[in-house]
């Protein structure tokens, strides 16, 4: 039974990576290359060198990604690095062999949909346990060495340098359209990796925490009770015990949970914060009421 699940998971990952390669290849050859637009990351660096020198993009992508894959081997593990190497090699072969048509001469459509298909490709590959662009490994290494920079900050800084170089090598208009491509790709990646059910943590502070806890539990949400005590807030100083409630819900259910809390205590103190991923626990409610 366990072996079958493992084999099915490997097959699913292989299909996702294969679909990611096809989508990214279509975004590059079907949209961006003919308009001289680029994406961010290692792919963007490869495209920039291709536009400046004419060297084959199918050769540049694995060469530029190689140091990032070596970093991934150190930071994440052999399996991830192996899958990513195969995915990037597959993308290189796809670009060299598959004759994608040039879809549209419209520059805005090219920027938006080129970014969409590249982002979809990267997101699908990530779902399959690989990457088509290795700059995340470099960003992870830098962020661990520096306590001031997060991974997202490092990626943003790298892409700022790439688009600044594109301004000088390709022109201002091409660089601006390329930024649209990058934003479209980023949003598509976020949607595919996190999906509509992106998780949100909610802290609830209220004098009526017992009633709120019961109401939330009755609707099927999981809840954690954090032992705490009242301090200083809207009602002034309160030196008395009171539990803080902690729940994790999907983005689509935030409004429903807040409504449940405010029906009991409209002055309850609520804090929301994004959560990248959740393992285990009780997230979704039983049904819509």
Protein backbone atom coordinates (compact mmCIF):
# COMPACT_ATOMS: atom_id res chain seq x y z
CA UNK A 1 0.00 0.00 0.00
CA UNK A 2 2.75 2.41 0.99
CA UNK A 3 4.75 1.49 -2.11
CA UNK A 4 1.77 2.22 -4.38
CA UNK A 5 1.30 5.63 -2.78
CA UNK A 6 4.99 6.40 -3.24
CA UNK A 7 4.89 5.35 -6.89
CA UNK A 8 1.73 7.38 -7.53
CA UNK A 9 3.33 10.40 -5.92
CA UNK A 10 6.43 10.04 -8.09
CA UNK A 11 4.28 9.72 -11.21
CA UNK A 12 2.28 12.80 -10.23
CA UNK A 13 5.48 14.77 -9.61
CA UNK A 14 6.89 13.67 -12.97
CA UNK A 15 3.72 14.79 -14.78
CA UNK A 16 3.72 18.15 -12.97
CA UNK A 17 7.38 18.78 -13.86
CA UNK A 18 6.72 17.77 -17.49
CA UNK A 19 3.74 20.14 -17.70
CA UNK A 20 5.88 22.86 -16.10
CA UNK A 21 8.60 22.42 -18.71
CA UNK A 22 6.05 22.67 -21.54
CA UNK A 23 4.36 25.74 -20.07
CA UNK A 24 7.64 27.60 -19.42
CA UNK A 25 8.94 26.71 -22.90
CA UNK A 26 5.73 28.00 -24.46
CA UNK A 27 5.96 31.24 -22.48
CA UNK A 28 9.54 31.81 -23.61
CA UNK A 29 9.37 30.84 -27.28
CA UNK A 30 5.70 31.58 -27.91
CA UNK A 31 5.73 35.06 -26.40
CA UNK A 32 8.89 36.64 -24.98
CA UNK A 33 11.81 35.92 -27.29
CA UNK A 34 10.42 37.56 -30.42
CA UNK A 35 9.64 40.76 -28.50
CA UNK A 36 13.04 40.85 -26.71
CA UNK A 37 11.44 40.71 -23.26
CA UNK A 38 12.99 38.91 -20.30
CA UNK A 39 11.89 37.39 -17.01
CA UNK A 40 13.59 37.63 -13.62
CA UNK A 41 16.01 35.25 -11.93
CA UNK A 42 18.43 32.90 -13.66
CA UNK A 43 16.08 32.65 -16.65
CA UNK A 44 16.17 36.43 -16.98
CA UNK A 45 19.98 36.48 -16.83
CA UNK A 46 20.10 33.78 -19.53
CA UNK A 47 17.66 35.71 -21.73
CA UNK A 48 19.61 38.93 -21.24
CA UNK A 49 22.86 37.27 -22.35
CA UNK A 50 21.00 35.67 -25.27
CA UNK A 51 19.67 39.05 -26.42
CA UNK A 52 23.10 40.66 -26.05
CA UNK A 53 25.28 37.92 -27.57
CA UNK A 54 23.06 35.63 -29.64
CA UNK A 55 24.29 32.50 -27.85
CA UNK A 56 21.65 29.71 -27.77
CA UNK A 57 19.19 30.14 -24.90
CA UNK A 58 18.91 26.36 -24.60
CA UNK A 59 22.62 26.32 -23.70
CA UNK A 60 22.63 29.42 -21.49
CA UNK A 61 19.80 28.32 -19.17
CA UNK A 62 21.57 25.18 -17.79
CA UNK A 63 24.94 26.98 -17.64
CA UNK A 64 23.58 29.96 -15.68
CA UNK A 65 21.55 27.67 -13.39
CA UNK A 66 24.46 25.33 -12.64
CA UNK A 67 25.92 27.28 -9.66
CA UNK A 68 22.43 27.71 -8.22
CA UNK A 69 21.80 23.95 -8.46
CA UNK A 70 25.06 23.31 -6.61
CA UNK A 71 23.82 25.64 -3.88
CA UNK A 72 20.49 23.78 -3.83
CA UNK A 73 22.42 20.53 -3.33
CA UNK A 74 24.06 22.03 -0.23
CA UNK A 75 21.07 23.89 1.18
CA UNK A 76 18.10 21.66 0.37
CA UNK A 77 19.31 18.18 -0.54
CA UNK A 78 20.39 15.74 -3.22
CA UNK A 79 16.90 14.68 -4.29
CA UNK A 80 15.70 18.24 -4.88
CA UNK A 81 18.91 19.15 -6.74
CA UNK A 82 18.63 16.03 -8.92
CA UNK A 83 15.01 16.74 -9.86
CA UNK A 84 15.81 20.38 -10.56
CA UNK A 85 18.75 19.41 -12.76
CA UNK A 86 16.51 17.13 -14.81
CA UNK A 87 13.79 19.81 -15.01
CA UNK A 88 16.19 22.51 -16.20
CA UNK A 89 17.76 20.09 -18.69
CA UNK A 90 14.25 19.25 -19.91
CA UNK A 91 13.47 22.93 -20.39
CA UNK A 92 16.69 23.35 -22.35
CA UNK A 93 15.80 20.43 -24.65
CA UNK A 94 12.25 21.77 -25.02
CA UNK A 95 13.56 25.16 -26.16
CA UNK A 96 15.98 23.56 -28.60
CA UNK A 97 13.58 21.02 -30.14
CA UNK A 98 9.91 22.07 -29.82
CA UNK A 99 8.78 24.55 -32.55
CA UNK A 100 6.44 26.77 -30.54
CA UNK A 101 4.57 29.34 -32.69
CA UNK A 102 4.92 33.07 -32.08
CA UNK A 103 1.46 33.75 -30.65
CA UNK A 104 0.93 37.51 -30.86
CA UNK A 105 2.79 40.71 -31.83
CA UNK A 106 0.89 42.73 -29.21
CA UNK A 107 3.46 43.83 -26.63
CA UNK A 108 1.16 44.00 -23.60
CA UNK A 109 -0.40 40.60 -24.32
CA UNK A 110 3.10 39.21 -24.83
CA UNK A 111 4.30 40.55 -21.46
CA UNK A 112 1.24 39.39 -19.49
CA UNK A 113 0.71 35.97 -21.02
CA UNK A 114 4.41 35.25 -21.40
CA UNK A 115 4.75 35.86 -17.66
CA UNK A 116 1.65 33.78 -16.97
CA UNK A 117 2.93 30.70 -18.82
CA UNK A 118 6.45 31.00 -17.37
CA UNK A 119 5.02 31.42 -13.86
CA UNK A 120 2.69 28.48 -14.42
CA UNK A 121 5.66 26.39 -15.53
CA UNK A 122 7.76 27.30 -12.51
CA UNK A 123 4.80 26.78 -10.14
CA UNK A 124 3.95 23.36 -11.59
CA UNK A 125 7.59 22.28 -11.35
CA UNK A 126 7.69 23.44 -7.71
CA UNK A 127 4.55 21.38 -7.03
CA UNK A 128 6.48 18.45 -8.47
CA UNK A 129 9.44 19.01 -6.14
CA UNK A 130 11.82 20.82 -8.52
CA UNK A 131 12.62 24.31 -9.80
CA UNK A 132 13.14 25.68 -13.29
CA UNK A 133 14.96 28.72 -11.92
CA UNK A 134 17.67 28.26 -9.29
CA UNK A 135 17.97 31.78 -7.85
CA UNK A 136 15.87 30.80 -4.83
CA UNK A 137 18.80 28.69 -3.59
CA UNK A 138 21.14 31.70 -3.74
CA UNK A 139 18.54 33.85 -1.98
CA UNK A 140 18.22 31.23 0.76
CA UNK A 141 21.98 31.16 1.32
CA UNK A 142 22.31 34.97 1.49
CA UNK A 143 19.33 35.31 3.83
CA UNK A 144 20.85 32.76 6.22
CA UNK A 145 24.13 34.67 6.28
CA UNK A 146 22.39 38.03 6.78
CA UNK A 147 19.79 38.53 9.50
CA UNK A 148 18.60 41.75 7.80
CA UNK A 149 17.44 40.20 4.52
CA UNK A 150 14.63 37.71 3.91
CA UNK A 151 14.55 35.37 0.91
CA UNK A 152 11.98 37.58 -0.83
CA UNK A 153 14.17 40.66 -0.24
CA UNK A 154 17.19 38.96 -1.85
CA UNK A 155 15.18 37.85 -4.89
CA UNK A 156 13.79 41.36 -5.30
CA UNK A 157 17.29 42.91 -5.13
CA UNK A 158 18.65 40.40 -7.67
CA UNK A 159 15.83 41.18 -10.06
CA UNK A 160 16.33 44.93 -9.66
CA UNK A 161 19.90 44.47 -10.92
CA UNK A 162 18.68 42.30 -13.80
CA UNK A 163 16.06 44.82 -14.95
CA UNK A 164 18.51 47.71 -14.53
CA UNK A 165 20.90 45.87 -16.86
CA UNK A 166 17.99 45.24 -19.25
CA UNK A 167 17.35 48.98 -19.40
CA UNK A 168 20.87 49.59 -20.76
CA UNK A 169 21.11 46.51 -23.01
CA UNK A 170 17.56 46.24 -24.39
CA UNK A 171 16.03 49.69 -23.88
CA UNK A 172 13.65 51.32 -21.41
CA UNK A 173 10.44 50.09 -23.05
CA UNK A 174 11.61 46.48 -23.21
CA UNK A 175 12.72 46.64 -19.57
CA UNK A 176 9.36 48.02 -18.43
CA UNK A 177 7.44 45.36 -20.33
CA UNK A 178 9.81 42.77 -18.84
CA UNK A 179 8.85 43.96 -15.35
CA UNK A 180 5.20 43.32 -16.23
CA UNK A 181 6.24 39.82 -17.30
CA UNK A 182 8.01 39.27 -13.98
CA UNK A 183 5.02 40.45 -11.91
CA UNK A 184 2.62 38.25 -13.92
CA UNK A 185 4.94 35.27 -13.42
CA UNK A 186 5.27 35.95 -9.67
CA UNK A 187 1.51 36.14 -9.11
CA UNK A 188 0.95 32.95 -11.10
CA UNK A 189 3.62 31.13 -9.07
CA UNK A 190 2.03 32.31 -5.80
CA UNK A 191 -1.39 31.11 -6.93
CA UNK A 192 -0.15 27.67 -8.01
CA UNK A 193 2.05 27.10 -4.97
CA UNK A 194 -0.30 28.47 -2.30
CA UNK A 195 -3.61 28.31 -4.17
CA UNK A 196 -6.95 29.83 -3.29
CA UNK A 197 -6.69 28.20 0.12
CA UNK A 198 -3.77 30.24 1.38
CA UNK A 199 -3.74 29.95 5.15
CA UNK A 200 -4.23 32.77 7.63
CA UNK A 201 -3.56 32.63 11.37
CA UNK A 202 -5.96 34.57 13.62
CA UNK A 203 -5.37 35.50 17.27
CA UNK A 204 -8.52 36.33 19.21
CA UNK A 205 -8.42 38.27 22.48
CA UNK A 206 -11.76 38.69 24.24
CA UNK A 207 -13.31 38.57 27.69
CA UNK A 208 -15.89 36.21 26.17
CA UNK A 209 -13.28 33.70 25.04
CA UNK A 210 -15.21 30.73 26.42
CA UNK A 211 -18.29 31.46 24.30
CA UNK A 212 -16.16 32.24 21.23
CA UNK A 213 -14.19 29.02 21.68
CA UNK A 214 -17.42 26.99 21.80
CA UNK A 215 -18.89 28.76 18.76
CA UNK A 216 -15.76 28.21 16.66
CA UNK A 217 -15.47 24.56 17.70
CA UNK A 218 -19.16 23.89 16.94
CA UNK A 219 -18.62 25.07 13.36
CA UNK A 220 -15.79 22.59 12.90
CA UNK A 221 -12.70 24.83 12.99
CA UNK A 222 -9.71 23.72 14.98
CA UNK A 223 -8.63 26.04 17.77
CA UNK A 224 -5.66 26.30 20.11
CA UNK A 225 -5.93 27.89 23.57
CA UNK A 226 -2.92 29.96 24.60
CA UNK A 227 -2.74 30.52 28.34
CA UNK A 228 -2.41 34.25 28.89
CA UNK A 229 -3.76 37.16 30.90
CA UNK A 230 -5.41 40.50 30.29
CA UNK A 231 -3.12 43.52 30.24
CA UNK A 232 -3.57 47.03 28.89
CA UNK A 233 -5.84 47.80 25.93
CA UNK A 234 -9.00 49.57 24.84
CA UNK A 235 -10.72 48.86 28.14
CA UNK A 236 -7.74 50.13 30.16
CA UNK A 237 -5.69 48.07 32.62
CA UNK A 238 -7.11 44.64 33.38
CA UNK A 239 -5.13 42.44 35.71
CA UNK A 240 -7.00 39.16 35.33
CA UNK A 241 -6.53 35.83 33.56
CA UNK A 242 -7.96 35.24 30.11
CA UNK A 243 -7.08 32.77 27.38
CA UNK A 244 -6.03 33.88 23.89
CA UNK A 245 -7.56 31.80 21.09
CA UNK A 246 -5.54 30.86 18.02
CA UNK A 247 -7.10 29.49 14.82
CA UNK A 248 -5.79 28.79 11.32
CA UNK A 249 -8.30 29.11 8.47
CA UNK A 250 -8.25 29.24 4.70
CA UNK A 251 -8.41 32.64 3.04
CA UNK A 252 -11.97 31.95 1.88
CA UNK A 253 -13.19 31.41 5.45
CA UNK A 254 -11.68 34.45 7.19
CA UNK A 255 -14.87 36.51 6.91
CA UNK A 256 -17.03 33.72 8.32
CA UNK A 257 -14.82 33.21 11.36
CA UNK A 258 -14.64 36.95 12.09
CA UNK A 259 -18.43 37.18 11.85
CA UNK A 260 -18.77 34.37 14.40
CA UNK A 261 -16.43 36.20 16.81
CA UNK A 262 -18.09 39.60 16.38
CA UNK A 263 -21.57 38.18 16.94
CA UNK A 264 -20.40 37.31 20.46
CA UNK A 265 -18.05 40.24 21.14
CA UNK A 266 -17.94 43.11 18.63
CA UNK A 267 -15.02 44.61 20.58
CA UNK A 268 -12.84 41.50 20.38
CA UNK A 269 -9.20 42.14 19.44
CA UNK A 270 -8.31 40.19 16.27
CA UNK A 271 -4.86 39.83 14.70
CA UNK A 272 -4.40 38.22 11.26
CA UNK A 273 -1.15 37.05 9.70
CA UNK A 274 -0.23 35.01 6.63
CA UNK A 275 1.00 31.43 6.93
CA UNK A 276 3.00 29.81 4.13
CA UNK A 277 2.01 26.22 4.82
CA UNK A 278 0.23 23.98 7.33
CA UNK A 279 0.75 20.31 8.15
CA UNK A 280 -1.85 18.36 10.11
CA UNK A 281 -4.41 19.92 12.39
CA UNK A 282 -8.01 20.92 11.66
CA UNK A 283 -8.22 23.80 9.18
CA UNK A 284 -11.55 23.79 7.35
CA UNK A 285 -14.96 24.12 8.98
CA UNK A 286 -17.55 21.42 8.47
CA UNK A 287 -20.02 23.35 6.35
CA UNK A 288 -21.19 26.83 5.39
CA UNK A 289 -23.86 28.14 7.77
